[in-house]
Amino acid sequence: MSVESQRSLVVSPEDARSNWSQRLWRVIFVVFCLELGLFLIVFPWLDYWNNNSIATLTPWIGELWRNPYFRGALSGLGVVNIYISLSEVFRTRRSPADKMKLSSL
């Protein structure tokens, strides 16, 4: 084993802290996107949706707020958020060998 390959196996404390902080931020990002997505999919279709101050501001906002197409668009954004969170999970779960295969293509 050469000296260069031995150096690549040694991880400095700064790199270890950086790696853990990156993992923590990824987990926070995944949880946030997942929760936001689930909220946007479910909440516009509940009865609580119409009982808020935004729907009573002006008549045109109230009409928009109760419009099923607007609710569907928000649910679509929820699906996009869930897709983002799942793609981030699968991206981070990929093994280093798979990452090397993809980078060599």
Protein backbone atom coordinates (compact mmCIF):
# COMPACT_ATOMS: atom_id res chain seq x y z
CA MET A 1 0.00 0.00 0.00
CA SER A 2 1.47 3.33 -1.00
CA VAL A 3 1.78 6.35 1.25
CA GLU A 4 -0.76 8.29 -0.81
CA SER A 5 -3.41 5.60 -0.42
CA GLN A 6 -2.72 5.45 3.34
CA ARG A 7 -3.23 9.22 3.58
CA SER A 8 -6.57 8.94 1.81
CA LEU A 9 -7.75 6.47 4.48
CA VAL A 10 -6.99 8.86 7.34
CA VAL A 11 -9.83 11.26 8.14
CA SER A 12 -9.03 14.48 9.93
CA PRO A 13 -11.28 15.63 12.79
CA GLU A 14 -12.39 18.63 10.72
CA ASP A 15 -13.49 16.34 7.88
CA ALA A 16 -15.36 14.09 10.32
CA ARG A 17 -17.21 17.09 11.81
CA SER A 18 -17.99 18.39 8.35
CA ASN A 19 -19.32 14.99 7.30
CA TRP A 20 -21.61 14.78 10.34
CA SER A 21 -22.88 18.31 9.86
CA GLN A 22 -23.65 17.58 6.20
CA ARG A 23 -25.54 14.44 7.20
CA LEU A 24 -27.47 16.35 9.85
CA TRP A 25 -28.48 19.07 7.38
CA ARG A 26 -29.53 16.42 4.86
CA VAL A 27 -31.72 14.71 7.45
CA ILE A 28 -33.28 18.05 8.43
CA PHE A 29 -33.89 18.85 4.76
CA VAL A 30 -35.48 15.45 4.08
CA VAL A 31 -37.75 15.69 7.13
CA PHE A 32 -38.77 19.26 6.26
CA CYS A 33 -39.61 18.40 2.64
CA LEU A 34 -41.49 15.26 3.66
CA GLU A 35 -43.58 17.05 6.29
CA LEU A 36 -44.29 19.99 4.01
CA GLY A 37 -45.30 17.64 1.21
CA LEU A 38 -47.65 15.64 3.40
CA PHE A 39 -49.17 18.85 4.74
CA LEU A 40 -49.73 20.27 1.25
CA ILE A 41 -51.30 17.05 0.01
CA VAL A 42 -53.75 16.60 2.89
CA PHE A 43 -54.59 19.98 4.44
CA PRO A 44 -56.21 21.78 1.46
CA TRP A 45 -58.89 19.10 1.36
CA LEU A 46 -59.84 19.29 5.06
CA ASP A 47 -62.71 21.39 6.47
CA TYR A 48 -60.20 23.53 8.38
CA TRP A 49 -58.97 24.95 5.06
CA ASN A 50 -61.88 27.40 4.76
CA ASN A 51 -61.75 28.55 8.39
CA ASN A 52 -58.91 31.05 8.26
CA SER A 53 -58.33 34.75 7.83
CA ILE A 54 -56.78 34.49 4.35
CA ALA A 55 -60.03 33.26 2.80
CA THR A 56 -61.94 36.25 4.22
CA LEU A 57 -59.57 39.05 3.15
CA THR A 58 -61.23 39.89 -0.16
CA PRO A 59 -63.89 38.14 -2.23
CA TRP A 60 -61.54 37.11 -5.04
CA ILE A 61 -59.03 35.57 -2.60
CA GLY A 62 -61.87 33.64 -0.96
CA GLU A 63 -63.00 32.31 -4.33
CA LEU A 64 -59.45 31.31 -5.23
CA TRP A 65 -58.94 29.76 -1.81
CA ARG A 66 -62.00 27.49 -2.21
CA ASN A 67 -61.29 26.62 -5.84
CA PRO A 68 -60.59 22.87 -6.27
CA TYR A 69 -57.99 23.59 -8.97
CA PHE A 70 -56.02 25.76 -6.55
CA ARG A 71 -56.23 23.04 -3.92
CA GLY A 72 -55.07 20.49 -6.49
CA ALA A 73 -52.13 22.71 -7.45
CA LEU A 74 -51.08 22.89 -3.80
CA SER A 75 -51.39 19.11 -3.52
CA GLY A 76 -49.22 18.83 -6.63
CA LEU A 77 -46.57 20.93 -4.91
CA GLY A 78 -46.83 18.51 -2.00
CA VAL A 79 -46.12 15.60 -4.32
CA VAL A 80 -43.08 17.47 -5.67
CA ASN A 81 -41.81 18.00 -2.11
CA ILE A 82 -42.17 14.32 -1.29
CA TYR A 83 -40.36 13.43 -4.52
CA ILE A 84 -37.50 15.78 -3.56
CA SER A 85 -37.20 14.24 -0.10
CA LEU A 86 -37.22 10.67 -1.42
CA SER A 87 -34.69 11.46 -4.14
CA GLU A 88 -32.41 12.99 -1.51
CA VAL A 89 -32.73 9.85 0.62
CA PHE A 90 -31.87 7.58 -2.30
CA ARG A 91 -29.03 9.87 -3.38
CA THR A 92 -27.40 9.72 0.03
CA ARG A 93 -28.01 5.97 0.43
CA ARG A 94 -26.08 5.18 -2.74
CA SER A 95 -22.86 3.29 -2.03
CA PRO A 96 -19.47 4.87 -2.80
CA ALA A 97 -18.86 2.24 -5.50
CA ASP A 98 -22.04 3.31 -7.29
CA LYS A 99 -20.98 6.96 -7.06
CA MET A 100 -17.67 6.10 -8.67
CA LYS A 101 -19.42 4.21 -11.49
CA LEU A 102 -21.67 7.18 -12.20
CA SER A 103 -18.80 9.67 -12.11
CA SER A 104 -16.77 7.61 -14.60
CA LEU A 105 -19.60 7.66 -17.17
